[in-house]
Amino acid sequence: MSDLHLRTATPSDALPVLAFWRVAAEGTSISDDRAGVERLIARDPGALLLAERDGDLVGTVIAGFDGWRCHLYRLAVHPDARRQGVATALLDAAERRFTTLGGRRGDAMVLERNERAQHAWRAAGYTRESRWRRWTKPLTS
């Protein structure tokens, strides 16, 4: 694993990250466009963490902290790099970020149908919160 390099994303990473998510992430989001990724990086420069191996993007996680809650999104690992510790390294970095910022608990957005992701989150020590259900409303048409 010593060949894995973690760093925060820069604005020039927006398009490569979007292309990576089309290969490695499950599902899409209303924010999956260049402007959305660039806005994230501008608003919270340390939130989008990238894992690279030999200069190639192999994993991502968004570790957003709003001052109240620690939110994890877009944990994605390239299919060829799965089960090699990439997700673990990304989550460790995200959790360090949260504790440095004063966060107390991380929560993750995990698709119901994504069994592989649910297994990975459980293995990382996260548990399903059965008391809550996510409610959403698009703010643009």
N, C-alpha and C. Protein backbone atom coordinates (compact mmCIF):
# COMPACT_ATOMS: atom_id res chain seq x y z
N MET A 1 0.81 -1.19 0.00
CA MET A 1 0.00 0.00 0.00
C MET A 1 0.84 1.25 0.00
N SER A 2 2.15 1.14 0.15
CA SER A 2 2.99 2.33 0.21
C SER A 2 2.98 3.10 -1.11
N ASP A 3 2.51 2.47 -2.17
CA ASP A 3 2.46 3.16 -3.45
C ASP A 3 1.19 4.00 -3.61
N LEU A 4 0.33 4.04 -2.60
CA LEU A 4 -0.90 4.80 -2.65
C LEU A 4 -0.63 6.22 -2.14
N HIS A 5 -1.05 7.20 -2.90
CA HIS A 5 -0.86 8.61 -2.54
C HIS A 5 -2.23 9.25 -2.37
N LEU A 6 -2.47 9.86 -1.21
CA LEU A 6 -3.72 10.55 -0.94
C LEU A 6 -3.48 12.06 -1.01
N ARG A 7 -4.46 12.76 -1.58
CA ARG A 7 -4.36 14.22 -1.65
C ARG A 7 -5.76 14.80 -1.76
N THR A 8 -5.85 16.11 -1.55
CA THR A 8 -7.13 16.79 -1.76
C THR A 8 -7.23 17.21 -3.22
N ALA A 9 -8.44 17.28 -3.70
CA ALA A 9 -8.68 17.65 -5.10
C ALA A 9 -8.47 19.14 -5.31
N THR A 10 -8.12 19.48 -6.53
CA THR A 10 -8.01 20.86 -6.97
C THR A 10 -9.04 21.07 -8.09
N PRO A 11 -9.30 22.31 -8.46
CA PRO A 11 -10.29 22.55 -9.54
C PRO A 11 -9.96 21.79 -10.83
N SER A 12 -8.69 21.59 -11.13
CA SER A 12 -8.33 20.87 -12.36
C SER A 12 -8.69 19.39 -12.30
N ASP A 13 -9.06 18.89 -11.13
CA ASP A 13 -9.45 17.49 -10.98
C ASP A 13 -10.92 17.25 -11.31
N ALA A 14 -11.71 18.29 -11.50
CA ALA A 14 -13.16 18.13 -11.65
C ALA A 14 -13.53 17.16 -12.76
N LEU A 15 -13.04 17.37 -13.95
CA LEU A 15 -13.42 16.49 -15.07
C LEU A 15 -12.88 15.07 -14.90
N PRO A 16 -11.61 14.89 -14.49
CA PRO A 16 -11.15 13.51 -14.25
C PRO A 16 -11.95 12.80 -13.15
N VAL A 17 -12.36 13.52 -12.12
CA VAL A 17 -13.16 12.90 -11.06
C VAL A 17 -14.52 12.48 -11.60
N LEU A 18 -15.15 13.32 -12.39
CA LEU A 18 -16.44 12.95 -12.99
C LEU A 18 -16.31 11.72 -13.87
N ALA A 19 -15.25 11.66 -14.67
CA ALA A 19 -15.02 10.48 -15.51
C ALA A 19 -14.78 9.25 -14.65
N PHE A 20 -14.04 9.40 -13.57
CA PHE A 20 -13.77 8.29 -12.65
C PHE A 20 -15.06 7.77 -12.04
N TRP A 21 -15.93 8.69 -11.60
CA TRP A 21 -17.19 8.26 -10.98
C TRP A 21 -18.06 7.49 -11.95
N ARG A 22 -17.99 7.79 -13.24
CA ARG A 22 -18.78 7.02 -14.21
C ARG A 22 -18.33 5.56 -14.26
N VAL A 23 -17.08 5.31 -13.95
CA VAL A 23 -16.53 3.95 -13.96
C VAL A 23 -16.65 3.28 -12.59
N ALA A 24 -16.40 4.04 -11.53
CA ALA A 24 -16.20 3.43 -10.22
C ALA A 24 -17.35 3.63 -9.23
N ALA A 25 -18.18 4.64 -9.42
CA ALA A 25 -19.23 4.94 -8.45
C ALA A 25 -20.54 4.29 -8.85
N GLU A 26 -21.36 4.07 -7.87
CA GLU A 26 -22.70 3.50 -8.09
C GLU A 26 -23.70 4.65 -8.12
N GLY A 27 -24.43 4.78 -9.19
CA GLY A 27 -25.45 5.81 -9.27
C GLY A 27 -24.89 7.17 -9.64
N THR A 28 -25.80 8.11 -9.85
CA THR A 28 -25.42 9.47 -10.19
C THR A 28 -26.15 10.43 -9.26
N SER A 29 -25.70 11.66 -9.29
CA SER A 29 -26.27 12.69 -8.44
C SER A 29 -26.58 13.92 -9.27
N ILE A 30 -27.50 14.73 -8.79
CA ILE A 30 -27.84 15.98 -9.46
C ILE A 30 -26.63 16.91 -9.52
N SER A 31 -25.66 16.70 -8.63
CA SER A 31 -24.46 17.54 -8.57
C SER A 31 -23.31 17.00 -9.42
N ASP A 32 -23.54 15.93 -10.16
CA ASP A 32 -22.47 15.32 -10.95
C ASP A 32 -22.24 16.08 -12.25
N ASP A 33 -21.68 17.26 -12.11
CA ASP A 33 -21.25 18.03 -13.27
C ASP A 33 -20.04 18.86 -12.85
N ARG A 34 -19.39 19.43 -13.83
CA ARG A 34 -18.16 20.18 -13.55
C ARG A 34 -18.40 21.30 -12.54
N ALA A 35 -19.48 22.04 -12.73
CA ALA A 35 -19.77 23.15 -11.82
C ALA A 35 -19.98 22.65 -10.39
N GLY A 36 -20.65 21.52 -10.24
CA GLY A 36 -20.90 20.97 -8.91
C GLY A 36 -19.62 20.58 -8.20
N VAL A 37 -18.72 19.90 -8.91
CA VAL A 37 -17.45 19.48 -8.31
C VAL A 37 -16.58 20.69 -8.01
N GLU A 38 -16.52 21.63 -8.95
CA GLU A 38 -15.72 22.84 -8.72
C GLU A 38 -16.27 23.65 -7.54
N ARG A 39 -17.58 23.70 -7.39
CA ARG A 39 -18.19 24.41 -6.28
C ARG A 39 -17.83 23.74 -4.94
N LEU A 40 -17.86 22.42 -4.92
CA LEU A 40 -17.46 21.69 -3.72
C LEU A 40 -16.02 22.04 -3.33
N ILE A 41 -15.12 21.99 -4.30
CA ILE A 41 -13.71 22.25 -4.03
C ILE A 41 -13.50 23.69 -3.57
N ALA A 42 -14.22 24.64 -4.17
CA ALA A 42 -14.09 26.04 -3.77
C ALA A 42 -14.66 26.28 -2.37
N ARG A 43 -15.78 25.66 -2.07
CA ARG A 43 -16.47 25.85 -0.79
C ARG A 43 -15.75 25.19 0.37
N ASP A 44 -15.22 23.99 0.13
CA ASP A 44 -14.56 23.22 1.19
C ASP A 44 -13.36 22.52 0.57
N PRO A 45 -12.24 23.23 0.42
CA PRO A 45 -11.09 22.71 -0.33
C PRO A 45 -10.53 21.37 0.16
N GLY A 46 -10.75 21.01 1.40
CA GLY A 46 -10.22 19.75 1.90
C GLY A 46 -11.18 18.59 1.85
N ALA A 47 -12.39 18.81 1.34
CA ALA A 47 -13.43 17.79 1.43
C ALA A 47 -13.27 16.64 0.44
N LEU A 48 -12.87 16.91 -0.78
CA LEU A 48 -12.78 15.85 -1.79
C LEU A 48 -11.37 15.25 -1.75
N LEU A 49 -11.32 14.03 -1.23
CA LEU A 49 -10.04 13.32 -1.09
C LEU A 49 -9.87 12.34 -2.24
N LEU A 50 -8.68 12.32 -2.81
CA LEU A 50 -8.36 11.44 -3.93
C LEU A 50 -7.26 10.47 -3.53
N ALA A 51 -7.38 9.24 -4.02
CA ALA A 51 -6.32 8.24 -3.87
C ALA A 51 -5.76 7.95 -5.26
N GLU A 52 -4.46 8.04 -5.38
CA GLU A 52 -3.79 7.79 -6.66
C GLU A 52 -2.73 6.71 -6.49
N ARG A 53 -2.56 5.97 -7.53
CA ARG A 53 -1.51 4.95 -7.59
C ARG A 53 -0.84 5.11 -8.95
N ASP A 54 0.46 5.32 -8.94
CA ASP A 54 1.22 5.53 -10.17
C ASP A 54 0.61 6.63 -11.03
N GLY A 55 0.10 7.67 -10.38
CA GLY A 55 -0.48 8.80 -11.10
C GLY A 55 -1.89 8.61 -11.57
N ASP A 56 -2.46 7.42 -11.36
CA ASP A 56 -3.83 7.14 -11.79
C ASP A 56 -4.78 7.25 -10.61
N LEU A 57 -5.93 7.85 -10.85
CA LEU A 57 -6.95 7.96 -9.82
C LEU A 57 -7.56 6.58 -9.56
N VAL A 58 -7.51 6.12 -8.31
CA VAL A 58 -8.06 4.81 -7.96
C VAL A 58 -9.15 4.88 -6.91
N GLY A 59 -9.36 6.07 -6.30
CA GLY A 59 -10.40 6.17 -5.29
C GLY A 59 -10.72 7.60 -4.92
N THR A 60 -11.95 7.80 -4.43
CA THR A 60 -12.40 9.11 -3.97
C THR A 60 -13.29 8.95 -2.74
N VAL A 61 -13.35 10.01 -1.97
CA VAL A 61 -14.39 10.15 -0.95
C VAL A 61 -14.57 11.65 -0.71
N ILE A 62 -15.81 12.04 -0.51
CA ILE A 62 -16.10 13.40 -0.10
C ILE A 62 -16.33 13.35 1.41
N ALA A 63 -15.53 14.12 2.14
CA ALA A 63 -15.61 14.19 3.59
C ALA A 63 -15.99 15.61 3.97
N GLY A 64 -17.28 15.89 3.92
CA GLY A 64 -17.77 17.24 4.18
C GLY A 64 -18.13 17.44 5.63
N PHE A 65 -17.70 18.58 6.17
CA PHE A 65 -18.05 18.93 7.55
C PHE A 65 -18.68 20.31 7.54
N ASP A 66 -19.89 20.41 8.05
CA ASP A 66 -20.61 21.68 8.02
C ASP A 66 -20.53 22.42 9.35
N GLY A 67 -19.66 21.95 10.25
CA GLY A 67 -19.55 22.55 11.57
C GLY A 67 -20.41 21.85 12.60
N TRP A 68 -21.31 21.00 12.12
CA TRP A 68 -22.23 20.28 13.00
C TRP A 68 -22.12 18.77 12.79
N ARG A 69 -22.16 18.36 11.52
CA ARG A 69 -22.12 16.94 11.20
C ARG A 69 -21.03 16.64 10.18
N CYS A 70 -20.55 15.41 10.23
CA CYS A 70 -19.53 14.92 9.31
C CYS A 70 -20.21 14.01 8.30
N HIS A 71 -20.20 14.41 7.05
CA HIS A 71 -20.91 13.67 6.01
C HIS A 71 -19.92 13.04 5.03
N LEU A 72 -20.16 11.79 4.70
CA LEU A 72 -19.33 11.06 3.75
C LEU A 72 -20.15 10.70 2.52
N TYR A 73 -19.61 11.04 1.37
CA TYR A 73 -20.27 10.76 0.11
C TYR A 73 -19.23 10.26 -0.88
N ARG A 74 -19.71 9.63 -1.91
CA ARG A 74 -18.89 9.26 -3.07
C ARG A 74 -17.62 8.49 -2.72
N LEU A 75 -17.73 7.57 -1.75
CA LEU A 75 -16.63 6.63 -1.55
C LEU A 75 -16.67 5.70 -2.75
N ALA A 76 -15.68 5.80 -3.59
CA ALA A 76 -15.64 5.00 -4.81
C ALA A 76 -14.21 4.53 -5.04
N VAL A 77 -14.08 3.27 -5.42
CA VAL A 77 -12.78 2.68 -5.72
C VAL A 77 -12.87 2.04 -7.09
N HIS A 78 -11.85 2.28 -7.91
CA HIS A 78 -11.84 1.70 -9.26
C HIS A 78 -11.97 0.18 -9.14
N PRO A 79 -12.77 -0.44 -10.00
CA PRO A 79 -12.96 -1.89 -9.93
C PRO A 79 -11.66 -2.70 -9.89
N ASP A 80 -10.62 -2.25 -10.58
CA ASP A 80 -9.35 -2.97 -10.59
C ASP A 80 -8.54 -2.78 -9.31
N ALA A 81 -8.96 -1.83 -8.46
CA ALA A 81 -8.20 -1.54 -7.23
C ALA A 81 -8.96 -1.92 -5.97
N ARG A 82 -10.09 -2.57 -6.12
CA ARG A 82 -10.88 -2.94 -4.95
C ARG A 82 -10.21 -4.05 -4.15
N ARG A 83 -10.52 -4.05 -2.85
CA ARG A 83 -10.00 -5.04 -1.90
C ARG A 83 -8.47 -4.94 -1.78
N GLN A 84 -7.96 -3.71 -1.94
CA GLN A 84 -6.53 -3.47 -1.81
C GLN A 84 -6.23 -2.39 -0.77
N GLY A 85 -7.22 -2.04 0.03
CA GLY A 85 -7.02 -1.06 1.09
C GLY A 85 -7.25 0.38 0.71
N VAL A 86 -7.71 0.63 -0.51
CA VAL A 86 -7.91 2.01 -0.96
C VAL A 86 -9.03 2.67 -0.15
N ALA A 87 -10.17 2.02 -0.03
CA ALA A 87 -11.29 2.59 0.72
C ALA A 87 -10.90 2.81 2.18
N THR A 88 -10.20 1.88 2.76
CA THR A 88 -9.76 2.01 4.15
C THR A 88 -8.87 3.23 4.31
N ALA A 89 -7.93 3.42 3.41
CA ALA A 89 -7.04 4.58 3.48
C ALA A 89 -7.82 5.89 3.34
N LEU A 90 -8.77 5.92 2.42
CA LEU A 90 -9.59 7.11 2.23
C LEU A 90 -10.44 7.42 3.46
N LEU A 91 -11.07 6.39 4.02
CA LEU A 91 -11.90 6.61 5.20
C LEU A 91 -11.06 7.02 6.40
N ASP A 92 -9.87 6.44 6.56
CA ASP A 92 -8.98 6.86 7.64
C ASP A 92 -8.64 8.34 7.51
N ALA A 93 -8.34 8.78 6.29
CA ALA A 93 -8.01 10.19 6.05
C ALA A 93 -9.22 11.08 6.32
N ALA A 94 -10.40 10.63 5.89
CA ALA A 94 -11.62 11.40 6.12
C ALA A 94 -11.90 11.54 7.62
N GLU A 95 -11.75 10.45 8.35
CA GLU A 95 -12.01 10.47 9.78
C GLU A 95 -10.99 11.34 10.52
N ARG A 96 -9.73 11.33 10.09
CA ARG A 96 -8.73 12.23 10.68
C ARG A 96 -9.13 13.69 10.43
N ARG A 97 -9.58 13.95 9.21
CA ARG A 97 -10.03 15.31 8.88
C ARG A 97 -11.16 15.73 9.82
N PHE A 98 -12.12 14.87 10.00
CA PHE A 98 -13.26 15.19 10.85
C PHE A 98 -12.84 15.46 12.30
N THR A 99 -12.00 14.59 12.84
CA THR A 99 -11.60 14.79 14.24
C THR A 99 -10.77 16.05 14.40
N THR A 100 -9.94 16.37 13.42
CA THR A 100 -9.17 17.61 13.45
C THR A 100 -10.08 18.82 13.46
N LEU A 101 -11.20 18.74 12.73
CA LEU A 101 -12.15 19.85 12.65
C LEU A 101 -13.13 19.88 13.83
N GLY A 102 -13.06 18.88 14.70
CA GLY A 102 -13.95 18.84 15.85
C GLY A 102 -15.18 17.97 15.66
N GLY A 103 -15.21 17.21 14.58
CA GLY A 103 -16.35 16.33 14.33
C GLY A 103 -16.42 15.20 15.34
N ARG A 104 -17.64 14.71 15.58
CA ARG A 104 -17.85 13.67 16.58
C ARG A 104 -18.40 12.36 16.02
N ARG A 105 -19.03 12.43 14.86
CA ARG A 105 -19.61 11.21 14.29
C ARG A 105 -19.72 11.39 12.78
N GLY A 106 -19.28 10.37 12.06
CA GLY A 106 -19.42 10.39 10.61
C GLY A 106 -20.69 9.70 10.18
N ASP A 107 -21.31 10.23 9.13
CA ASP A 107 -22.44 9.52 8.53
C ASP A 107 -22.21 9.40 7.04
N ALA A 108 -22.68 8.31 6.49
CA ALA A 108 -22.43 8.00 5.08
C ALA A 108 -23.73 7.85 4.32
N MET A 109 -23.72 8.33 3.08
CA MET A 109 -24.83 8.11 2.16
C MET A 109 -24.53 6.82 1.40
N VAL A 110 -25.37 5.81 1.56
CA VAL A 110 -25.15 4.51 0.93
C VAL A 110 -26.45 4.08 0.25
N LEU A 111 -26.36 3.77 -1.03
CA LEU A 111 -27.55 3.34 -1.75
C LEU A 111 -28.07 2.02 -1.19
N GLU A 112 -29.37 1.92 -1.06
CA GLU A 112 -30.01 0.70 -0.55
C GLU A 112 -29.64 -0.52 -1.37
N ARG A 113 -29.58 -0.35 -2.68
CA ARG A 113 -29.35 -1.51 -3.56
C ARG A 113 -27.88 -1.91 -3.68
N ASN A 114 -26.97 -1.10 -3.12
CA ASN A 114 -25.55 -1.35 -3.29
C ASN A 114 -25.03 -2.23 -2.15
N GLU A 115 -25.20 -3.53 -2.29
CA GLU A 115 -24.80 -4.49 -1.26
C GLU A 115 -23.29 -4.45 -1.01
N ARG A 116 -22.51 -4.31 -2.06
CA ARG A 116 -21.04 -4.26 -1.92
C ARG A 116 -20.65 -3.08 -1.02
N ALA A 117 -21.28 -1.93 -1.25
CA ALA A 117 -20.97 -0.75 -0.44
C ALA A 117 -21.41 -0.96 1.00
N GLN A 118 -22.56 -1.55 1.20
CA GLN A 118 -23.02 -1.78 2.57
C GLN A 118 -22.05 -2.67 3.33
N HIS A 119 -21.53 -3.68 2.66
CA HIS A 119 -20.55 -4.56 3.29
C HIS A 119 -19.28 -3.77 3.64
N ALA A 120 -18.83 -2.92 2.74
CA ALA A 120 -17.61 -2.14 2.97
C ALA A 120 -17.80 -1.18 4.15
N TRP A 121 -18.95 -0.53 4.22
CA TRP A 121 -19.19 0.39 5.33
C TRP A 121 -19.25 -0.36 6.65
N ARG A 122 -19.90 -1.52 6.67
CA ARG A 122 -19.94 -2.33 7.90
C ARG A 122 -18.53 -2.73 8.31
N ALA A 123 -17.73 -3.15 7.36
CA ALA A 123 -16.35 -3.56 7.65
C ALA A 123 -15.53 -2.40 8.21
N ALA A 124 -15.89 -1.17 7.85
CA ALA A 124 -15.18 0.01 8.34
C ALA A 124 -15.71 0.48 9.70
N GLY A 125 -16.69 -0.24 10.25
CA GLY A 125 -17.20 0.09 11.57
C GLY A 125 -18.45 0.94 11.60
N TYR A 126 -19.04 1.20 10.44
CA TYR A 126 -20.26 2.01 10.37
C TYR A 126 -21.47 1.08 10.50
N THR A 127 -22.53 1.60 11.10
CA THR A 127 -23.76 0.82 11.24
C THR A 127 -24.92 1.58 10.61
N ARG A 128 -25.86 0.83 10.11
CA ARG A 128 -27.05 1.41 9.49
C ARG A 128 -27.89 2.09 10.56
N GLU A 129 -28.34 3.28 10.26
CA GLU A 129 -29.20 4.05 11.17
C GLU A 129 -30.65 3.80 10.76
N SER A 130 -31.35 3.01 11.52
CA SER A 130 -32.70 2.62 11.13
C SER A 130 -33.76 3.65 11.52
N ARG A 131 -33.40 4.62 12.36
CA ARG A 131 -34.39 5.59 12.82
C ARG A 131 -34.62 6.73 11.84
N TRP A 132 -33.76 6.87 10.82
CA TRP A 132 -33.84 8.01 9.93
C TRP A 132 -34.07 7.57 8.50
N ARG A 133 -34.69 8.42 7.74
CA ARG A 133 -34.88 8.23 6.31
C ARG A 133 -34.51 9.54 5.65
N ARG A 134 -33.76 9.50 4.58
CA ARG A 134 -33.35 10.70 3.88
C ARG A 134 -34.51 11.25 3.06
N TRP A 135 -34.74 12.53 3.15
CA TRP A 135 -35.75 13.22 2.35
C TRP A 135 -35.03 14.22 1.47
N THR A 136 -35.42 14.33 0.21
CA THR A 136 -34.76 15.24 -0.70
C THR A 136 -35.77 16.06 -1.51
N LYS A 137 -35.32 17.17 -2.02
CA LYS A 137 -36.11 18.01 -2.90
C LYS A 137 -35.16 18.72 -3.83
N PRO A 138 -35.24 18.49 -5.14
CA PRO A 138 -34.39 19.24 -6.08
C PRO A 138 -34.71 20.74 -5.99
N LEU A 139 -33.68 21.56 -5.96
CA LEU A 139 -33.87 23.00 -5.88
C LEU A 139 -33.82 23.68 -7.22
N THR A 140 -33.52 22.92 -8.26
CA THR A 140 -33.50 23.45 -9.62
C THR A 140 -34.30 22.51 -10.51
N SER A 141 -34.77 23.03 -11.61
CA SER A 141 -35.58 22.18 -12.50
C SER A 141 -34.71 21.49 -13.53
